[in-house]
Each structure stands twice: as C-alpha cells, then as structure tokens.
Amino acid sequence: MLFNMRLTQRIPDKDHLRREVETNINTRNAKATSVNWRFTSQDDRRKLARLYPRFST
C-alpha cells in the first residue's frame, strides 16, 4: 500500500505519516474498487498441490 502512495514530499514525523496513510486508505475505500483475482481456485490447487492434504476415497 505505501509504495503505491506516490508521496511528493518527505514526511517530517510519525503523526504526519499516519495522517497521510489514513487519507490514502480513506480515498481507496471510497473508490470501492473490486479485486481482480488473477488466480482461480483450480489454478491454486494445481500450483500449490503440495500444500493441500490428500484424501483417499
């Protein structure tokens, strides 16, 4: 998130940074942008098969 803020000036202190981050969060939330999933659950299971338990039927 922070790397996407594209800040144009230096941040002098923690309080200023906190306000900048909160402003950015509120702006992003107001846009209500949906998530563009690049991975389907089938892709996930195929690529990460070693992490899923195997059950015999």
PDB file of N, CA and C in Angstrom:
ATOM      1  N   MET A   1       0.822  -1.183   0.000  1.00  0.00           N
ATOM      2  CA  MET A   1       0.000   0.000   0.000  1.00  0.00           C
ATOM      3  C   MET A   1       0.867   1.248   0.000  1.00  0.00           C
ATOM      4  N   LEU A   2       1.832   1.308   0.871  1.00  0.00           N
ATOM      5  CA  LEU A   2       2.639   2.528   0.964  1.00  0.00           C
ATOM      6  C   LEU A   2       3.417   2.810  -0.306  1.00  0.00           C
ATOM      7  N   PHE A   3       3.878   1.776  -0.981  1.00  0.00           N
ATOM      8  CA  PHE A   3       4.641   2.018  -2.206  1.00  0.00           C
ATOM      9  C   PHE A   3       3.761   2.560  -3.321  1.00  0.00           C
ATOM     10  N   ASN A   4       2.447   2.450  -3.205  1.00  0.00           N
ATOM     11  CA  ASN A   4       1.533   2.989  -4.208  1.00  0.00           C
ATOM     12  C   ASN A   4       1.082   4.418  -3.906  1.00  0.00           C
ATOM     13  N   MET A   5       1.487   4.970  -2.780  1.00  0.00           N
ATOM     14  CA  MET A   5       1.019   6.293  -2.385  1.00  0.00           C
ATOM     15  C   MET A   5       1.630   7.411  -3.223  1.00  0.00           C
ATOM     16  N   ARG A   6       2.814   7.201  -3.769  1.00  0.00           N
ATOM     17  CA  ARG A   6       3.488   8.199  -4.582  1.00  0.00           C
ATOM     18  C   ARG A   6       3.564   9.549  -3.871  1.00  0.00           C
ATOM     19  N   LEU A   7       4.164   9.541  -2.717  1.00  0.00           N
ATOM     20  CA  LEU A   7       4.289  10.761  -1.934  1.00  0.00           C
ATOM     21  C   LEU A   7       5.212  11.744  -2.662  1.00  0.00           C
ATOM     22  N   THR A   8       4.858  13.009  -2.619  1.00  0.00           N
ATOM     23  CA  THR A   8       5.638  14.014  -3.339  1.00  0.00           C
ATOM     24  C   THR A   8       6.591  14.779  -2.439  1.00  0.00           C
ATOM     25  N   GLN A   9       6.490  14.597  -1.134  1.00  0.00           N
ATOM     26  CA  GLN A   9       7.390  15.299  -0.219  1.00  0.00           C
ATOM     27  C   GLN A   9       7.832  14.358   0.895  1.00  0.00           C
ATOM     28  N   ARG A  10       8.835  14.790   1.618  1.00  0.00           N
ATOM     29  CA  ARG A  10       9.308  13.997   2.758  1.00  0.00           C
ATOM     30  C   ARG A  10       8.298  14.093   3.887  1.00  0.00           C
ATOM     31  N   ILE A  11       8.241  13.059   4.700  1.00  0.00           N
ATOM     32  CA  ILE A  11       7.323  13.024   5.843  1.00  0.00           C
ATOM     33  C   ILE A  11       8.126  13.414   7.084  1.00  0.00           C
ATOM     34  N   PRO A  12       7.764  14.512   7.724  1.00  0.00           N
ATOM     35  CA  PRO A  12       8.575  15.011   8.841  1.00  0.00           C
ATOM     36  C   PRO A  12       8.457  14.220  10.146  1.00  0.00           C
ATOM     37  N   ASP A  13       7.289  13.597  10.403  1.00  0.00           N
ATOM     38  CA  ASP A  13       7.141  12.895  11.678  1.00  0.00           C
ATOM     39  C   ASP A  13       6.071  11.807  11.564  1.00  0.00           C
ATOM     40  N   LYS A  14       5.955  11.011  12.623  1.00  0.00           N
ATOM     41  CA  LYS A  14       5.016   9.879  12.612  1.00  0.00           C
ATOM     42  C   LYS A  14       3.570  10.330  12.477  1.00  0.00           C
ATOM     43  N   ASP A  15       3.210  11.411  13.130  1.00  0.00           N
ATOM     44  CA  ASP A  15       1.826  11.887  13.059  1.00  0.00           C
ATOM     45  C   ASP A  15       1.451  12.289  11.636  1.00  0.00           C
ATOM     46  N   HIS A  16       2.367  12.959  10.977  1.00  0.00           N
ATOM     47  CA  HIS A  16       2.108  13.364   9.587  1.00  0.00           C
ATOM     48  C   HIS A  16       1.989  12.120   8.694  1.00  0.00           C
ATOM     49  N   LEU A  17       2.867  11.156   8.905  1.00  0.00           N
ATOM     50  CA  LEU A  17       2.811   9.910   8.142  1.00  0.00           C
ATOM     51  C   LEU A  17       1.486   9.198   8.380  1.00  0.00           C
ATOM     52  N   ARG A  18       1.062   9.123   9.624  1.00  0.00           N
ATOM     53  CA  ARG A  18      -0.201   8.472   9.965  1.00  0.00           C
ATOM     54  C   ARG A  18      -1.366   9.143   9.231  1.00  0.00           C
ATOM     55  N   ARG A  19      -1.378  10.493   9.226  1.00  0.00           N
ATOM     56  CA  ARG A  19      -2.452  11.217   8.529  1.00  0.00           C
ATOM     57  C   ARG A  19      -2.416  10.944   7.033  1.00  0.00           C
ATOM     58  N   GLU A  20      -1.224  10.910   6.449  1.00  0.00           N
ATOM     59  CA  GLU A  20      -1.092  10.637   5.012  1.00  0.00           C
ATOM     60  C   GLU A  20      -1.627   9.238   4.676  1.00  0.00           C
ATOM     61  N   VAL A  21      -1.250   8.263   5.496  1.00  0.00           N
ATOM     62  CA  VAL A  21      -1.687   6.886   5.263  1.00  0.00           C
ATOM     63  C   VAL A  21      -3.205   6.773   5.439  1.00  0.00           C
ATOM     64  N   GLU A  22      -3.747   7.374   6.477  1.00  0.00           N
ATOM     65  CA  GLU A  22      -5.198   7.330   6.699  1.00  0.00           C
ATOM     66  C   GLU A  22      -5.951   7.990   5.548  1.00  0.00           C
ATOM     67  N   THR A  23      -5.436   9.100   5.047  1.00  0.00           N
ATOM     68  CA  THR A  23      -6.060   9.773   3.907  1.00  0.00           C
ATOM     69  C   THR A  23      -6.058   8.860   2.692  1.00  0.00           C
ATOM     70  N   ASN A  24      -4.929   8.202   2.465  1.00  0.00           N
ATOM     71  CA  ASN A  24      -4.828   7.285   1.334  1.00  0.00           C
ATOM     72  C   ASN A  24      -5.797   6.117   1.478  1.00  0.00           C
ATOM     73  N   ILE A  25      -5.895   5.566   2.669  1.00  0.00           N
ATOM     74  CA  ILE A  25      -6.808   4.447   2.923  1.00  0.00           C
ATOM     75  C   ILE A  25      -8.253   4.878   2.698  1.00  0.00           C
ATOM     76  N   ASN A  26      -8.620   6.040   3.230  1.00  0.00           N
ATOM     77  CA  ASN A  26      -9.992   6.527   3.065  1.00  0.00           C
ATOM     78  C   ASN A  26     -10.323   6.780   1.595  1.00  0.00           C
ATOM     79  N   THR A  27      -9.370   7.319   0.845  1.00  0.00           N
ATOM     80  CA  THR A  27      -9.584   7.562  -0.584  1.00  0.00           C
ATOM     81  C   THR A  27      -9.790   6.244  -1.322  1.00  0.00           C
ATOM     82  N   ARG A  28      -8.940   5.259  -1.030  1.00  0.00           N
ATOM     83  CA  ARG A  28      -9.068   3.948  -1.697  1.00  0.00           C
ATOM     84  C   ARG A  28     -10.387   3.273  -1.324  1.00  0.00           C
ATOM     85  N   ASN A  29     -10.782   3.367  -0.065  1.00  0.00           N
ATOM     86  CA  ASN A  29     -12.042   2.756   0.364  1.00  0.00           C
ATOM     87  C   ASN A  29     -13.231   3.441  -0.277  1.00  0.00           C
ATOM     88  N   ALA A  30     -13.158   4.749  -0.458  1.00  0.00           N
ATOM     89  CA  ALA A  30     -14.263   5.490  -1.072  1.00  0.00           C
ATOM     90  C   ALA A  30     -14.459   5.085  -2.529  1.00  0.00           C
ATOM     91  N   LYS A  31     -13.375   4.709  -3.196  1.00  0.00           N
ATOM     92  CA  LYS A  31     -13.477   4.271  -4.598  1.00  0.00           C
ATOM     93  C   LYS A  31     -14.166   2.915  -4.712  1.00  0.00           C
ATOM     94  N   ALA A  32     -14.100   2.120  -3.664  1.00  0.00           N
ATOM     95  CA  ALA A  32     -14.719   0.783  -3.624  1.00  0.00           C
ATOM     96  C   ALA A  32     -14.323  -0.048  -4.839  1.00  0.00           C
ATOM     97  N   THR A  33     -13.054  -0.061  -5.141  1.00  0.00           N
ATOM     98  CA  THR A  33     -12.542  -0.826  -6.273  1.00  0.00           C
ATOM     99  C   THR A  33     -12.596  -2.315  -5.964  1.00  0.00           C
ATOM    100  N   SER A  34     -13.038  -3.080  -6.934  1.00  0.00           N
ATOM    101  CA  SER A  34     -13.113  -4.528  -6.727  1.00  0.00           C
ATOM    102  C   SER A  34     -11.740  -5.163  -6.937  1.00  0.00           C
ATOM    103  N   VAL A  35     -11.607  -6.368  -6.459  1.00  0.00           N
ATOM    104  CA  VAL A  35     -10.359  -7.102  -6.582  1.00  0.00           C
ATOM    105  C   VAL A  35     -10.367  -7.854  -7.904  1.00  0.00           C
ATOM    106  N   ASN A  36      -9.265  -7.780  -8.625  1.00  0.00           N
ATOM    107  CA  ASN A  36      -9.124  -8.515  -9.876  1.00  0.00           C
ATOM    108  C   ASN A  36      -8.271  -9.753  -9.594  1.00  0.00           C
ATOM    109  N   TRP A  37      -8.948 -10.862  -9.275  1.00  0.00           N
ATOM    110  CA  TRP A  37      -8.227 -12.092  -8.959  1.00  0.00           C
ATOM    111  C   TRP A  37      -7.558 -12.623 -10.212  1.00  0.00           C
ATOM    112  N   ARG A  38      -6.304 -12.961 -10.113  1.00  0.00           N
ATOM    113  CA  ARG A  38      -5.553 -13.481 -11.250  1.00  0.00           C
ATOM    114  C   ARG A  38      -5.397 -14.998 -11.162  1.00  0.00           C
ATOM    115  N   PHE A  39      -5.982 -15.552 -10.163  1.00  0.00           N
ATOM    116  CA  PHE A  39      -5.772 -16.943  -9.812  1.00  0.00           C
ATOM    117  C   PHE A  39      -7.134 -17.552  -9.537  1.00  0.00           C
ATOM    118  N   THR A  40      -7.505 -18.613 -10.197  1.00  0.00           N
ATOM    119  CA  THR A  40      -8.753 -19.297  -9.866  1.00  0.00           C
ATOM    120  C   THR A  40      -8.441 -20.352  -8.802  1.00  0.00           C
ATOM    121  N   SER A  41      -9.458 -20.864  -8.170  1.00  0.00           N
ATOM    122  CA  SER A  41      -9.210 -21.888  -7.155  1.00  0.00           C
ATOM    123  C   SER A  41      -8.632 -23.149  -7.797  1.00  0.00           C
ATOM    124  N   GLN A  42      -9.013 -23.435  -9.046  1.00  0.00           N
ATOM    125  CA  GLN A  42      -8.422 -24.591  -9.741  1.00  0.00           C
ATOM    126  C   GLN A  42      -6.932 -24.369  -9.969  1.00  0.00           C
ATOM    127  N   ASP A  43      -6.557 -23.177 -10.412  1.00  0.00           N
ATOM    128  CA  ASP A  43      -5.134 -22.856 -10.594  1.00  0.00           C
ATOM    129  C   ASP A  43      -4.397 -22.998  -9.278  1.00  0.00           C
ATOM    130  N   ASP A  44      -5.021 -22.493  -8.228  1.00  0.00           N
ATOM    131  CA  ASP A  44      -4.431 -22.548  -6.895  1.00  0.00           C
ATOM    132  C   ASP A  44      -4.159 -23.988  -6.488  1.00  0.00           C
ATOM    133  N   ARG A  45      -5.134 -24.837  -6.631  1.00  0.00           N
ATOM    134  CA  ARG A  45      -4.962 -26.240  -6.226  1.00  0.00           C
ATOM    135  C   ARG A  45      -3.903 -26.945  -7.068  1.00  0.00           C
ATOM    136  N   ARG A  46      -3.839 -26.609  -8.346  1.00  0.00           N
ATOM    137  CA  ARG A  46      -2.844 -27.246  -9.210  1.00  0.00           C
ATOM    138  C   ARG A  46      -1.433 -26.765  -8.861  1.00  0.00           C
ATOM    139  N   LYS A  47      -1.262 -25.462  -8.711  1.00  0.00           N
ATOM    140  CA  LYS A  47       0.067 -24.909  -8.474  1.00  0.00           C
ATOM    141  C   LYS A  47       0.562 -25.127  -7.047  1.00  0.00           C
ATOM    142  N   LEU A  48      -0.371 -25.213  -6.112  1.00  0.00           N
ATOM    143  CA  LEU A  48       0.011 -25.367  -4.709  1.00  0.00           C
ATOM    144  C   LEU A  48      -0.408 -26.724  -4.154  1.00  0.00           C
ATOM    145  N   ALA A  49      -0.445 -27.720  -5.008  1.00  0.00           N
ATOM    146  CA  ALA A  49      -0.922 -29.054  -4.631  1.00  0.00           C
ATOM    147  C   ALA A  49      -0.173 -29.615  -3.427  1.00  0.00           C
ATOM    148  N   ARG A  50       1.097 -29.309  -3.303  1.00  0.00           N
ATOM    149  CA  ARG A  50       1.892 -29.851  -2.193  1.00  0.00           C
ATOM    150  C   ARG A  50       1.419 -29.336  -0.838  1.00  0.00           C
ATOM    151  N   LEU A  51       0.650 -28.234  -0.827  1.00  0.00           N
ATOM    152  CA  LEU A  51       0.163 -27.672   0.426  1.00  0.00           C
ATOM    153  C   LEU A  51      -1.210 -28.200   0.825  1.00  0.00           C
ATOM    154  N   TYR A  52      -1.874 -28.874  -0.091  1.00  0.00           N
ATOM    155  CA  TYR A  52      -3.212 -29.389   0.196  1.00  0.00           C
ATOM    156  C   TYR A  52      -3.120 -30.842   0.646  1.00  0.00           C
ATOM    157  N   PRO A  53      -3.880 -31.212   1.668  1.00  0.00           N
ATOM    158  CA  PRO A  53      -3.847 -32.610   2.100  1.00  0.00           C
ATOM    159  C   PRO A  53      -4.497 -33.515   1.060  1.00  0.00           C
ATOM    160  N   ARG A  54      -4.000 -34.721   1.001  1.00  0.00           N
ATOM    161  CA  ARG A  54      -4.585 -35.704   0.058  1.00  0.00           C
ATOM    162  C   ARG A  54      -5.440 -36.679   0.833  1.00  0.00           C
ATOM    163  N   PHE A  55      -6.666 -36.880   0.336  1.00  0.00           N
ATOM    164  CA  PHE A  55      -7.597 -37.814   0.955  1.00  0.00           C
ATOM    165  C   PHE A  55      -7.861 -38.938  -0.021  1.00  0.00           C
ATOM    166  N   SER A  56      -7.865 -40.140   0.488  1.00  0.00           N
ATOM    167  CA  SER A  56      -8.226 -41.265  -0.363  1.00  0.00           C
ATOM    168  C   SER A  56      -9.716 -41.527  -0.212  1.00  0.00           C
ATOM    169  N   THR A  57     -10.348 -41.797  -1.335  1.00  0.00           N
ATOM    170  CA  THR A  57     -11.819 -42.052  -1.297  1.00  0.00           C
ATOM    171  C   THR A  57     -12.131 -43.448  -1.699  1.00  0.00           C
TER     172      THR A  57
END
